């Protein structure tokens, strides 16, 4: 299952729950997105050709993040750019969250282990606005 958190026509976040499963490769983001997220499910023996990624200059104006829940449960609250609450969701092992825009907060409901992946470099306190 997939859930999109929307505000008007703006995508705030995308959740891919651990129950999601298809054959092949599925990109959840557009080619223009500054952070790409895909799901891959291929049979034994599938070969991906060796490749390098070319150096391409990119301009990133907003930080996007991916969270992968390894263990436990976490409640995520979602906010629009004006800091207004939009929605909440409880994530658990195997769920993946792509935060595209807006804001979020976390409340750990069970001992949590998760990965966070985002663009860098991190610029310290200037990187976030708390509210």
Protein backbone atom coordinates (compact mmCIF):
# COMPACT_ATOMS: atom_id res chain seq x y z
CA UNK A 1 0.00 0.00 0.00
CA UNK A 2 1.10 3.56 -0.75
CA UNK A 3 -0.19 6.75 0.88
CA UNK A 4 0.40 10.29 -0.36
CA UNK A 5 0.15 13.21 2.07
CA UNK A 6 -1.11 16.17 0.05
CA UNK A 7 -1.88 19.84 0.66
CA UNK A 8 -3.86 21.36 -2.17
CA UNK A 9 -1.77 20.31 -5.22
CA UNK A 10 1.51 19.98 -3.29
CA UNK A 11 2.85 16.55 -2.37
CA UNK A 12 4.13 16.71 1.20
CA UNK A 13 5.15 13.08 1.72
CA UNK A 14 4.89 9.59 0.34
CA UNK A 15 4.66 6.48 2.51
CA UNK A 16 5.39 3.04 1.13
CA UNK A 17 4.10 0.52 3.65
CA UNK A 18 5.88 -2.79 4.11
CA UNK A 19 2.90 -4.58 2.49
CA UNK A 20 3.71 -3.00 -0.91
CA UNK A 21 4.89 -5.53 -3.45
CA UNK A 22 5.01 -5.64 -7.25
CA UNK A 23 7.24 -7.35 -9.78
CA UNK A 24 9.95 -5.27 -11.44
CA UNK A 25 10.99 -1.71 -10.67
CA UNK A 26 8.64 1.09 -9.64
CA UNK A 27 9.79 4.69 -9.23
CA UNK A 28 7.58 6.72 -6.91
CA UNK A 29 9.17 10.05 -7.84
CA UNK A 30 9.19 12.02 -11.07
CA UNK A 31 12.37 12.50 -13.09
CA UNK A 32 12.45 16.12 -11.84
CA UNK A 33 12.46 15.19 -8.15
CA UNK A 34 15.72 16.09 -6.36
CA UNK A 35 15.64 12.78 -4.46
CA UNK A 36 14.62 9.63 -6.30
CA UNK A 37 12.83 6.73 -4.60
CA UNK A 38 12.23 3.35 -6.23
CA UNK A 39 11.12 -0.14 -5.19
CA UNK A 40 12.73 -3.15 -6.86
CA UNK A 41 11.60 -6.77 -6.83
CA UNK A 42 13.37 -9.07 -9.28
CA UNK A 43 13.80 -12.84 -9.52
CA UNK A 44 17.00 -14.71 -8.85
CA UNK A 45 19.37 -14.42 -11.79
CA UNK A 46 18.35 -10.89 -12.80
CA UNK A 47 21.46 -8.99 -13.92
CA UNK A 48 21.90 -5.22 -13.84
CA UNK A 49 24.60 -4.05 -16.24
CA UNK A 50 27.66 -2.44 -14.65
CA UNK A 51 27.43 1.33 -14.81
CA UNK A 52 28.78 4.60 -13.45
CA UNK A 53 26.83 7.74 -12.70
CA UNK A 54 28.02 10.76 -14.64
CA UNK A 55 28.89 14.00 -12.91
CA UNK A 56 25.88 16.24 -13.39
CA UNK A 57 25.50 19.65 -11.77
CA UNK A 58 22.24 19.80 -9.83
CA UNK A 59 20.64 22.63 -7.90
CA UNK A 60 18.77 21.59 -4.76
CA UNK A 61 16.61 24.20 -3.06
CA UNK A 62 14.79 22.08 -0.46
CA UNK A 63 15.99 19.14 1.60
CA UNK A 64 14.08 15.92 1.06
CA UNK A 65 14.49 12.94 3.36
CA UNK A 66 13.87 9.21 3.30
CA UNK A 67 13.25 7.29 6.52
CA UNK A 68 13.39 3.48 6.57
CA UNK A 69 11.95 1.86 9.67
CA UNK A 70 14.05 -1.11 10.76
CA UNK A 71 12.43 -1.81 14.14
CA UNK A 72 9.70 -0.40 16.37
CA UNK A 73 6.91 2.09 15.75
CA UNK A 74 6.88 5.83 15.26
CA UNK A 75 4.03 8.31 14.89
CA UNK A 76 4.75 10.90 12.21
CA UNK A 77 2.82 14.20 12.09
CA UNK A 78 2.84 16.05 8.77
CA UNK A 79 2.63 19.83 8.30
CA UNK A 80 2.40 22.13 5.29
CA UNK A 81 4.88 24.93 4.61
CA UNK A 82 2.74 27.29 6.73
CA UNK A 83 3.32 24.94 9.71
CA UNK A 84 -0.31 23.77 9.84
CA UNK A 85 -1.01 20.16 10.80
CA UNK A 86 -2.23 18.00 7.90
CA UNK A 87 -2.20 14.33 8.83
CA UNK A 88 -0.51 11.66 10.92
CA UNK A 89 0.52 8.09 10.31
CA UNK A 90 2.05 5.31 12.39
CA UNK A 91 5.00 3.62 10.72
CA UNK A 92 6.51 0.27 11.65
CA UNK A 93 9.19 -2.17 10.51
CA UNK A 94 9.68 -2.17 6.76
CA UNK A 95 7.79 1.08 6.10
CA UNK A 96 9.50 3.82 4.07
CA UNK A 97 8.73 7.54 4.27
CA UNK A 98 9.80 10.05 1.64
CA UNK A 99 9.40 13.59 3.03
CA UNK A 100 9.12 15.78 -0.06
CA UNK A 101 8.09 19.18 1.30
CA UNK A 102 6.46 20.73 4.34
CA UNK A 103 7.40 19.62 7.82
CA UNK A 104 7.18 16.65 10.14
CA UNK A 105 7.57 15.58 13.75
CA UNK A 106 8.16 12.16 15.27
CA UNK A 107 6.92 10.47 18.44
CA UNK A 108 8.55 7.12 19.18
CA UNK A 109 5.88 4.60 20.22
CA UNK A 110 8.14 1.54 20.50
CA UNK A 111 11.94 1.32 20.63
CA UNK A 112 12.92 2.61 17.22
CA UNK A 113 15.67 1.91 14.75
CA UNK A 114 15.48 3.75 11.45
CA UNK A 115 17.70 5.04 8.69
CA UNK A 116 17.57 8.65 7.49
CA UNK A 117 18.82 9.53 4.02
CA UNK A 118 18.90 13.12 2.76
CA UNK A 119 20.87 15.43 0.51
CA UNK A 120 23.92 17.12 1.91
CA UNK A 121 25.90 18.89 2.93
CA UNK A 122 24.25 19.56 6.30
CA UNK A 123 24.56 23.24 7.20
CA UNK A 124 23.76 23.01 10.92
CA UNK A 125 21.14 25.22 12.55
CA UNK A 126 20.51 27.09 9.27
CA UNK A 127 19.20 23.82 7.79
CA UNK A 128 15.97 23.71 9.85
CA UNK A 129 13.18 25.86 11.25
CA UNK A 130 11.65 24.49 14.45
CA UNK A 131 8.08 25.30 15.41
